[in-house]
């Protein structure tokens, strides 16, 4: 029982037991671009994984309009790469 490992288009989450909180570093690409070394988390609940918290754009990205645009382009690229790799695997 618990939550299976998952890729959510942002990060890879390892398997967890119900009630467990899993914390990972901001994705490497975002750390390189924005220079932030924050962490994001998800809870494993009886209904599955919770949403990512805290807000990933605030923790791993930036608050300026230009940086937000870059942030979403990077996230889209990570999503596309992750999806492509999952199809190959």
PDB file of N, CA and C in Angstrom:
ATOM      1  N   UNK A   1       0.835  -1.212   0.000  1.00  0.00           N
ATOM      2  CA  UNK A   1       0.000   0.000   0.000  1.00  0.00           C
ATOM      3  C   UNK A   1       0.865   1.255   0.000  1.00  0.00           C
ATOM      4  N   UNK A   2       0.277   2.324  -0.380  1.00  0.00           N
ATOM      5  CA  UNK A   2       0.987   3.590  -0.445  1.00  0.00           C
ATOM      6  C   UNK A   2       0.858   4.192  -1.820  1.00  0.00           C
ATOM      7  N   UNK A   3       1.770   5.095  -2.157  1.00  0.00           N
ATOM      8  CA  UNK A   3       1.758   5.773  -3.456  1.00  0.00           C
ATOM      9  C   UNK A   3       2.911   5.244  -4.298  1.00  0.00           C
ATOM     10  N   UNK A   4       2.612   4.923  -5.540  1.00  0.00           N
ATOM     11  CA  UNK A   4       3.643   4.444  -6.460  1.00  0.00           C
ATOM     12  C   UNK A   4       4.554   5.595  -6.857  1.00  0.00           C
ATOM     13  N   UNK A   5       5.766   5.259  -7.254  1.00  0.00           N
ATOM     14  CA  UNK A   5       6.665   6.262  -7.798  1.00  0.00           C
ATOM     15  C   UNK A   5       6.014   6.900  -9.017  1.00  0.00           C
ATOM     16  N   UNK A   6       6.274   8.182  -9.229  1.00  0.00           N
ATOM     17  CA  UNK A   6       5.590   8.882 -10.319  1.00  0.00           C
ATOM     18  C   UNK A   6       6.446  10.005 -10.884  1.00  0.00           C
ATOM     19  N   UNK A   7       6.225  10.289 -12.157  1.00  0.00           N
ATOM     20  CA  UNK A   7       6.792  11.461 -12.830  1.00  0.00           C
ATOM     21  C   UNK A   7       5.620  12.395 -13.070  1.00  0.00           C
ATOM     22  N   UNK A   8       5.677  13.630 -12.569  1.00  0.00           N
ATOM     23  CA  UNK A   8       4.549  14.558 -12.714  1.00  0.00           C
ATOM     24  C   UNK A   8       4.847  15.697 -13.685  1.00  0.00           C
ATOM     25  N   UNK A   9       5.774  15.471 -14.581  1.00  0.00           N
ATOM     26  CA  UNK A   9       6.197  16.460 -15.575  1.00  0.00           C
ATOM     27  C   UNK A   9       7.138  17.515 -15.015  1.00  0.00           C
ATOM     28  N   UNK A  10       7.400  17.461 -13.736  1.00  0.00           N
ATOM     29  CA  UNK A  10       8.328  18.392 -13.093  1.00  0.00           C
ATOM     30  C   UNK A  10       9.446  17.625 -12.398  1.00  0.00           C
ATOM     31  N   UNK A  11       9.071  16.620 -11.639  1.00  0.00           N
ATOM     32  CA  UNK A  11      10.045  15.874 -10.841  1.00  0.00           C
ATOM     33  C   UNK A  11       9.661  14.404 -10.771  1.00  0.00           C
ATOM     34  N   UNK A  12      10.621  13.603 -10.384  1.00  0.00           N
ATOM     35  CA  UNK A  12      10.399  12.174 -10.192  1.00  0.00           C
ATOM     36  C   UNK A  12      10.189  11.944  -8.695  1.00  0.00           C
ATOM     37  N   UNK A  13       9.067  11.339  -8.361  1.00  0.00           N
ATOM     38  CA  UNK A  13       8.713  11.111  -6.961  1.00  0.00           C
ATOM     39  C   UNK A  13       8.856   9.625  -6.653  1.00  0.00           C
ATOM     40  N   UNK A  14       9.646   9.312  -5.630  1.00  0.00           N
ATOM     41  CA  UNK A  14       9.842   7.918  -5.244  1.00  0.00           C
ATOM     42  C   UNK A  14       8.617   7.394  -4.510  1.00  0.00           C
ATOM     43  N   UNK A  15       8.468   6.092  -4.522  1.00  0.00           N
ATOM     44  CA  UNK A  15       7.377   5.419  -3.833  1.00  0.00           C
ATOM     45  C   UNK A  15       7.339   5.860  -2.368  1.00  0.00           C
ATOM     46  N   UNK A  16       6.126   5.936  -1.800  1.00  0.00           N
ATOM     47  CA  UNK A  16       5.990   6.363  -0.408  1.00  0.00           C
ATOM     48  C   UNK A  16       4.830   5.621   0.256  1.00  0.00           C
ATOM     49  N   UNK A  17       4.885   5.541   1.564  1.00  0.00           N
ATOM     50  CA  UNK A  17       3.800   4.951   2.350  1.00  0.00           C
ATOM     51  C   UNK A  17       2.761   6.027   2.657  1.00  0.00           C
ATOM     52  N   UNK A  18       1.517   5.610   2.923  1.00  0.00           N
ATOM     53  CA  UNK A  18       0.478   6.565   3.298  1.00  0.00           C
ATOM     54  C   UNK A  18       0.951   7.392   4.486  1.00  0.00           C
ATOM     55  N   UNK A  19       0.721   8.687   4.445  1.00  0.00           N
ATOM     56  CA  UNK A  19       1.116   9.581   5.519  1.00  0.00           C
ATOM     57  C   UNK A  19       2.527  10.124   5.388  1.00  0.00           C
ATOM     58  N   UNK A  20       3.282   9.611   4.445  1.00  0.00           N
ATOM     59  CA  UNK A  20       4.666  10.045   4.259  1.00  0.00           C
ATOM     60  C   UNK A  20       4.724  11.274   3.351  1.00  0.00           C
ATOM     61  N   UNK A  21       5.645  12.184   3.659  1.00  0.00           N
ATOM     62  CA  UNK A  21       5.909  13.347   2.817  1.00  0.00           C
ATOM     63  C   UNK A  21       7.239  13.125   2.116  1.00  0.00           C
ATOM     64  N   UNK A  22       7.232  13.293   0.797  1.00  0.00           N
ATOM     65  CA  UNK A  22       8.454  13.140   0.011  1.00  0.00           C
ATOM     66  C   UNK A  22       8.897  14.528  -0.431  1.00  0.00           C
ATOM     67  N   UNK A  23      10.159  14.837  -0.234  1.00  0.00           N
ATOM     68  CA  UNK A  23      10.717  16.141  -0.591  1.00  0.00           C
ATOM     69  C   UNK A  23      11.870  15.941  -1.562  1.00  0.00           C
ATOM     70  N   UNK A  24      11.872  16.743  -2.626  1.00  0.00           N
ATOM     71  CA  UNK A  24      12.953  16.700  -3.617  1.00  0.00           C
ATOM     72  C   UNK A  24      13.433  18.121  -3.889  1.00  0.00           C
ATOM     73  N   UNK A  25      14.627  18.223  -4.416  1.00  0.00           N
ATOM     74  CA  UNK A  25      15.164  19.530  -4.805  1.00  0.00           C
ATOM     75  C   UNK A  25      14.435  20.034  -6.040  1.00  0.00           C
ATOM     76  N   UNK A  26      14.469  21.334  -6.244  1.00  0.00           N
ATOM     77  CA  UNK A  26      13.941  21.902  -7.482  1.00  0.00           C
ATOM     78  C   UNK A  26      14.656  21.223  -8.648  1.00  0.00           C
ATOM     79  N   UNK A  27      13.962  21.027  -9.769  1.00  0.00           N
ATOM     80  CA  UNK A  27      14.618  20.416 -10.926  1.00  0.00           C
ATOM     81  C   UNK A  27      15.902  21.156 -11.299  1.00  0.00           C
ATOM     82  N   UNK A  28      16.902  20.387 -11.708  1.00  0.00           N
ATOM     83  CA  UNK A  28      18.232  20.940 -11.997  1.00  0.00           C
ATOM     84  C   UNK A  28      18.178  22.084 -13.005  1.00  0.00           C
ATOM     85  N   UNK A  29      17.387  21.919 -14.065  1.00  0.00           N
ATOM     86  CA  UNK A  29      17.308  22.968 -15.088  1.00  0.00           C
ATOM     87  C   UNK A  29      16.835  24.286 -14.482  1.00  0.00           C
ATOM     88  N   UNK A  30      15.870  24.230 -13.574  1.00  0.00           N
ATOM     89  CA  UNK A  30      15.375  25.453 -12.934  1.00  0.00           C
ATOM     90  C   UNK A  30      16.422  26.029 -11.986  1.00  0.00           C
ATOM     91  N   UNK A  31      17.161  25.155 -11.285  1.00  0.00           N
ATOM     92  CA  UNK A  31      18.225  25.644 -10.390  1.00  0.00           C
ATOM     93  C   UNK A  31      19.290  26.375 -11.183  1.00  0.00           C
ATOM     94  N   UNK A  32      19.635  25.843 -12.361  1.00  0.00           N
ATOM     95  CA  UNK A  32      20.661  26.480 -13.194  1.00  0.00           C
ATOM     96  C   UNK A  32      20.177  27.834 -13.704  1.00  0.00           C
ATOM     97  N   UNK A  33      18.959  27.887 -14.212  1.00  0.00           N
ATOM     98  CA  UNK A  33      18.438  29.126 -14.806  1.00  0.00           C
ATOM     99  C   UNK A  33      18.182  30.204 -13.763  1.00  0.00           C
ATOM    100  N   UNK A  34      17.530  29.832 -12.647  1.00  0.00           N
ATOM    101  CA  UNK A  34      17.114  30.839 -11.674  1.00  0.00           C
ATOM    102  C   UNK A  34      18.007  30.928 -10.443  1.00  0.00           C
ATOM    103  N   UNK A  35      18.926  29.987 -10.280  1.00  0.00           N
ATOM    104  CA  UNK A  35      19.857  30.043  -9.158  1.00  0.00           C
ATOM    105  C   UNK A  35      19.219  29.813  -7.807  1.00  0.00           C
ATOM    106  N   UNK A  36      18.100  29.124  -7.777  1.00  0.00           N
ATOM    107  CA  UNK A  36      17.436  28.839  -6.505  1.00  0.00           C
ATOM    108  C   UNK A  36      17.599  27.370  -6.159  1.00  0.00           C
ATOM    109  N   UNK A  37      17.900  27.100  -4.895  1.00  0.00           N
ATOM    110  CA  UNK A  37      18.119  25.731  -4.440  1.00  0.00           C
ATOM    111  C   UNK A  37      17.021  25.265  -3.499  1.00  0.00           C
ATOM    112  N   UNK A  38      15.777  25.595  -3.816  1.00  0.00           N
ATOM    113  CA  UNK A  38      14.659  25.229  -2.954  1.00  0.00           C
ATOM    114  C   UNK A  38      14.262  23.768  -3.067  1.00  0.00           C
ATOM    115  N   UNK A  39      13.304  23.399  -2.250  1.00  0.00           N
ATOM    116  CA  UNK A  39      12.756  22.044  -2.246  1.00  0.00           C
ATOM    117  C   UNK A  39      11.250  22.097  -2.452  1.00  0.00           C
ATOM    118  N   UNK A  40      10.727  21.046  -3.089  1.00  0.00           N
ATOM    119  CA  UNK A  40       9.285  20.893  -3.250  1.00  0.00           C
ATOM    120  C   UNK A  40       8.890  19.559  -2.638  1.00  0.00           C
ATOM    121  N   UNK A  41       7.638  19.446  -2.222  1.00  0.00           N
ATOM    122  CA  UNK A  41       7.180  18.240  -1.529  1.00  0.00           C
ATOM    123  C   UNK A  41       5.810  17.806  -2.024  1.00  0.00           C
ATOM    124  N   UNK A  42       5.490  16.548  -1.744  1.00  0.00           N
ATOM    125  CA  UNK A  42       4.158  15.992  -1.973  1.00  0.00           C
ATOM    126  C   UNK A  42       3.874  15.026  -0.833  1.00  0.00           C
ATOM    127  N   UNK A  43       2.614  14.955  -0.426  1.00  0.00           N
ATOM    128  CA  UNK A  43       2.188  14.005   0.591  1.00  0.00           C
ATOM    129  C   UNK A  43       1.562  12.790  -0.070  1.00  0.00           C
ATOM    130  N   UNK A  44       1.808  11.628   0.495  1.00  0.00           N
ATOM    131  CA  UNK A  44       1.139  10.406   0.058  1.00  0.00           C
ATOM    132  C   UNK A  44      -0.085  10.231   0.953  1.00  0.00           C
ATOM    133  N   UNK A  45      -1.263  10.335   0.356  1.00  0.00           N
ATOM    134  CA  UNK A  45      -2.507  10.219   1.117  1.00  0.00           C
ATOM    135  C   UNK A  45      -3.258   8.961   0.690  1.00  0.00           C
ATOM    136  N   UNK A  46      -4.317   8.642   1.385  1.00  0.00           N
ATOM    137  CA  UNK A  46      -5.116   7.460   1.036  1.00  0.00           C
ATOM    138  C   UNK A  46      -5.776   7.610  -0.327  1.00  0.00           C
ATOM    139  N   UNK A  47      -5.843   8.837  -0.842  1.00  0.00           N
ATOM    140  CA  UNK A  47      -6.421   9.068  -2.174  1.00  0.00           C
ATOM    141  C   UNK A  47      -5.341   9.293  -3.230  1.00  0.00           C
ATOM    142  N   UNK A  48      -4.083   9.107  -2.875  1.00  0.00           N
ATOM    143  CA  UNK A  48      -2.980   9.277  -3.817  1.00  0.00           C
ATOM    144  C   UNK A  48      -2.115  10.474  -3.458  1.00  0.00           C
ATOM    145  N   UNK A  49      -1.290  10.876  -4.410  1.00  0.00           N
ATOM    146  CA  UNK A  49      -0.369  11.993  -4.189  1.00  0.00           C
ATOM    147  C   UNK A  49      -1.117  13.316  -4.074  1.00  0.00           C
ATOM    148  N   UNK A  50      -0.653  14.167  -3.152  1.00  0.00           N
ATOM    149  CA  UNK A  50      -1.186  15.533  -3.047  1.00  0.00           C
ATOM    150  C   UNK A  50      -0.572  16.384  -4.153  1.00  0.00           C
ATOM    151  N   UNK A  51      -1.033  17.607  -4.262  1.00  0.00           N
ATOM    152  CA  UNK A  51      -0.409  18.562  -5.174  1.00  0.00           C
ATOM    153  C   UNK A  51       0.969  18.931  -4.617  1.00  0.00           C
ATOM    154  N   UNK A  52       1.828  19.412  -5.485  1.00  0.00           N
ATOM    155  CA  UNK A  52       3.161  19.860  -5.070  1.00  0.00           C
ATOM    156  C   UNK A  52       3.015  21.092  -4.177  1.00  0.00           C
ATOM    157  N   UNK A  53       3.813  21.148  -3.120  1.00  0.00           N
ATOM    158  CA  UNK A  53       3.839  22.331  -2.261  1.00  0.00           C
ATOM    159  C   UNK A  53       5.262  22.558  -1.788  1.00  0.00           C
ATOM    160  N   UNK A  54       5.651  23.782  -1.454  1.00  0.00           N
ATOM    161  CA  UNK A  54       4.942  25.027  -1.749  1.00  0.00           C
ATOM    162  C   UNK A  54       4.902  25.271  -3.257  1.00  0.00           C
ATOM    163  N   UNK A  55       4.309  26.374  -3.660  1.00  0.00           N
ATOM    164  CA  UNK A  55       4.158  26.700  -5.079  1.00  0.00           C
ATOM    165  C   UNK A  55       5.513  26.664  -5.774  1.00  0.00           C
ATOM    166  N   UNK A  56       5.614  25.809  -6.792  1.00  0.00           N
ATOM    167  CA  UNK A  56       6.913  25.580  -7.443  1.00  0.00           C
ATOM    168  C   UNK A  56       7.470  26.823  -8.121  1.00  0.00           C
ATOM    169  N   UNK A  57       6.619  27.669  -8.685  1.00  0.00           N
ATOM    170  CA  UNK A  57       7.150  28.863  -9.362  1.00  0.00           C
ATOM    171  C   UNK A  57       7.764  29.836  -8.361  1.00  0.00           C
ATOM    172  N   UNK A  58       7.245  29.881  -7.138  1.00  0.00           N
ATOM    173  CA  UNK A  58       7.822  30.769  -6.127  1.00  0.00           C
ATOM    174  C   UNK A  58       9.103  30.196  -5.541  1.00  0.00           C
ATOM    175  N   UNK A  59       9.148  28.884  -5.374  1.00  0.00           N
ATOM    176  CA  UNK A  59      10.300  28.244  -4.734  1.00  0.00           C
ATOM    177  C   UNK A  59      11.445  28.014  -5.715  1.00  0.00           C
ATOM    178  N   UNK A  60      11.107  27.590  -6.934  1.00  0.00           N
ATOM    179  CA  UNK A  60      12.134  27.198  -7.904  1.00  0.00           C
ATOM    180  C   UNK A  60      12.323  28.207  -9.025  1.00  0.00           C
ATOM    181  N   UNK A  61      11.385  29.117  -9.191  1.00  0.00           N
ATOM    182  CA  UNK A  61      11.447  30.068 -10.297  1.00  0.00           C
ATOM    183  C   UNK A  61      11.751  31.468  -9.826  1.00  0.00           C
ATOM    184  N   UNK A  62      11.078  32.422 -10.422  1.00  0.00           N
ATOM    185  CA  UNK A  62      11.292  33.823 -10.089  1.00  0.00           C
ATOM    186  C   UNK A  62       9.969  34.564 -10.169  1.00  0.00           C
ATOM    187  N   UNK A  63       9.923  35.741  -9.584  1.00  0.00           N
ATOM    188  CA  UNK A  63       8.680  36.498  -9.535  1.00  0.00           C
ATOM    189  C   UNK A  63       8.545  37.571 -10.606  1.00  0.00           C
ATOM    190  N   UNK A  64       9.576  37.814 -11.409  1.00  0.00           N
ATOM    191  CA  UNK A  64       9.444  38.837 -12.441  1.00  0.00           C
ATOM    192  C   UNK A  64       8.696  38.260 -13.640  1.00  0.00           C
ATOM    193  N   UNK A  65       8.014  39.109 -14.386  1.00  0.00           N
ATOM    194  CA  UNK A  65       7.228  38.649 -15.536  1.00  0.00           C
ATOM    195  C   UNK A  65       8.088  37.924 -16.562  1.00  0.00           C
ATOM    196  N   UNK A  66       9.248  38.472 -16.880  1.00  0.00           N
ATOM    197  CA  UNK A  66      10.135  37.842 -17.860  1.00  0.00           C
ATOM    198  C   UNK A  66      10.597  36.479 -17.365  1.00  0.00           C
ATOM    199  N   UNK A  67      10.976  36.394 -16.100  1.00  0.00           N
ATOM    200  CA  UNK A  67      11.435  35.125 -15.550  1.00  0.00           C
ATOM    201  C   UNK A  67      10.306  34.102 -15.485  1.00  0.00           C
ATOM    202  N   UNK A  68       9.073  34.559 -15.237  1.00  0.00           N
ATOM    203  CA  UNK A  68       7.938  33.633 -15.229  1.00  0.00           C
ATOM    204  C   UNK A  68       7.742  33.018 -16.604  1.00  0.00           C
ATOM    205  N   UNK A  69       7.904  33.813 -17.653  1.00  0.00           N
ATOM    206  CA  UNK A  69       7.782  33.293 -19.012  1.00  0.00           C
ATOM    207  C   UNK A  69       8.857  32.234 -19.259  1.00  0.00           C
ATOM    208  N   UNK A  70      10.082  32.528 -18.887  1.00  0.00           N
ATOM    209  CA  UNK A  70      11.176  31.564 -19.045  1.00  0.00           C
ATOM    210  C   UNK A  70      10.876  30.307 -18.227  1.00  0.00           C
ATOM    211  N   UNK A  71      10.373  30.486 -17.014  1.00  0.00           N
ATOM    212  CA  UNK A  71      10.029  29.362 -16.139  1.00  0.00           C
ATOM    213  C   UNK A  71       9.066  28.414 -16.844  1.00  0.00           C
ATOM    214  N   UNK A  72       8.001  28.954 -17.426  1.00  0.00           N
ATOM    215  CA  UNK A  72       7.004  28.096 -18.070  1.00  0.00           C
ATOM    216  C   UNK A  72       7.534  27.442 -19.343  1.00  0.00           C
ATOM    217  N   UNK A  73       8.420  28.101 -20.049  1.00  0.00           N
ATOM    218  CA  UNK A  73       9.049  27.482 -21.221  1.00  0.00           C
ATOM    219  C   UNK A  73       9.919  26.305 -20.771  1.00  0.00           C
ATOM    220  N   UNK A  74      10.662  26.486 -19.694  1.00  0.00           N
ATOM    221  CA  UNK A  74      11.507  25.405 -19.176  1.00  0.00           C
ATOM    222  C   UNK A  74      10.644  24.239 -18.702  1.00  0.00           C
ATOM    223  N   UNK A  75       9.556  24.532 -17.996  1.00  0.00           N
ATOM    224  CA  UNK A  75       8.665  23.475 -17.519  1.00  0.00           C
ATOM    225  C   UNK A  75       8.081  22.704 -18.704  1.00  0.00           C
ATOM    226  N   UNK A  76       7.676  23.403 -19.747  1.00  0.00           N
ATOM    227  CA  UNK A  76       7.141  22.739 -20.940  1.00  0.00           C
ATOM    228  C   UNK A  76       8.203  21.835 -21.570  1.00  0.00           C
ATOM    229  N   UNK A  77       9.431  22.301 -21.609  1.00  0.00           N
ATOM    230  CA  UNK A  77      10.518  21.497 -22.168  1.00  0.00           C
ATOM    231  C   UNK A  77      10.760  20.250 -21.319  1.00  0.00           C
ATOM    232  N   UNK A  78      10.778  20.416 -19.990  1.00  0.00           N
ATOM    233  CA  UNK A  78      10.947  19.268 -19.100  1.00  0.00           C
ATOM    234  C   UNK A  78       9.816  18.266 -19.291  1.00  0.00           C
ATOM    235  N   UNK A  79       8.602  18.767 -19.433  1.00  0.00           N
ATOM    236  CA  UNK A  79       7.441  17.905 -19.654  1.00  0.00           C
ATOM    237  C   UNK A  79       7.624  17.091 -20.932  1.00  0.00           C
ATOM    238  N   UNK A  80       7.998  17.773 -22.004  1.00  0.00           N
ATOM    239  CA  UNK A  80       8.165  17.107 -23.299  1.00  0.00           C
ATOM    240  C   UNK A  80       9.267  16.056 -23.235  1.00  0.00           C
ATOM    241  N   UNK A  81      10.390  16.396 -22.622  1.00  0.00           N
ATOM    242  CA  UNK A  81      11.489  15.435 -22.486  1.00  0.00           C
ATOM    243  C   UNK A  81      11.079  14.231 -21.640  1.00  0.00           C
ATOM    244  N   UNK A  82      10.438  14.494 -20.519  1.00  0.00           N
ATOM    245  CA  UNK A  82      10.004  13.408 -19.637  1.00  0.00           C
ATOM    246  C   UNK A  82       9.007  12.491 -20.320  1.00  0.00           C
ATOM    247  N   UNK A  83       8.054  13.079 -21.024  1.00  0.00           N
ATOM    248  CA  UNK A  83       7.051  12.287 -21.734  1.00  0.00           C
ATOM    249  C   UNK A  83       7.717  11.452 -22.823  1.00  0.00           C
ATOM    250  N   UNK A  84       8.618  12.053 -23.562  1.00  0.00           N
ATOM    251  CA  UNK A  84       9.317  11.337 -24.633  1.00  0.00           C
ATOM    252  C   UNK A  84      10.124  10.169 -24.077  1.00  0.00           C
ATOM    253  N   UNK A  85      10.834  10.404 -22.981  1.00  0.00           N
ATOM    254  CA  UNK A  85      11.625   9.330 -22.374  1.00  0.00           C
ATOM    255  C   UNK A  85      10.740   8.214 -21.845  1.00  0.00           C
ATOM    256  N   UNK A  86       9.568   8.557 -21.309  1.00  0.00           N
ATOM    257  CA  UNK A  86       8.675   7.516 -20.800  1.00  0.00           C
ATOM    258  C   UNK A  86       8.129   6.659 -21.936  1.00  0.00           C
ATOM    259  N   UNK A  87       7.942   7.248 -23.112  1.00  0.00           N
ATOM    260  CA  UNK A  87       7.471   6.478 -24.263  1.00  0.00           C
ATOM    261  C   UNK A  87       8.555   5.534 -24.772  1.00  0.00           C
ATOM    262  N   UNK A  88       9.804   5.974 -24.682  1.00  0.00           N
ATOM    263  CA  UNK A  88      10.926   5.154 -25.141  1.00  0.00           C
ATOM    264  C   UNK A  88      11.164   3.980 -24.189  1.00  0.00           C
ATOM    265  N   UNK A  89      10.991   4.233 -22.883  1.00  0.00           N
ATOM    266  CA  UNK A  89      11.302   3.218 -21.858  1.00  0.00           C
ATOM    267  C   UNK A  89      10.380   2.052 -21.854  1.00  0.00           C
TER     268      UNK A  89
END
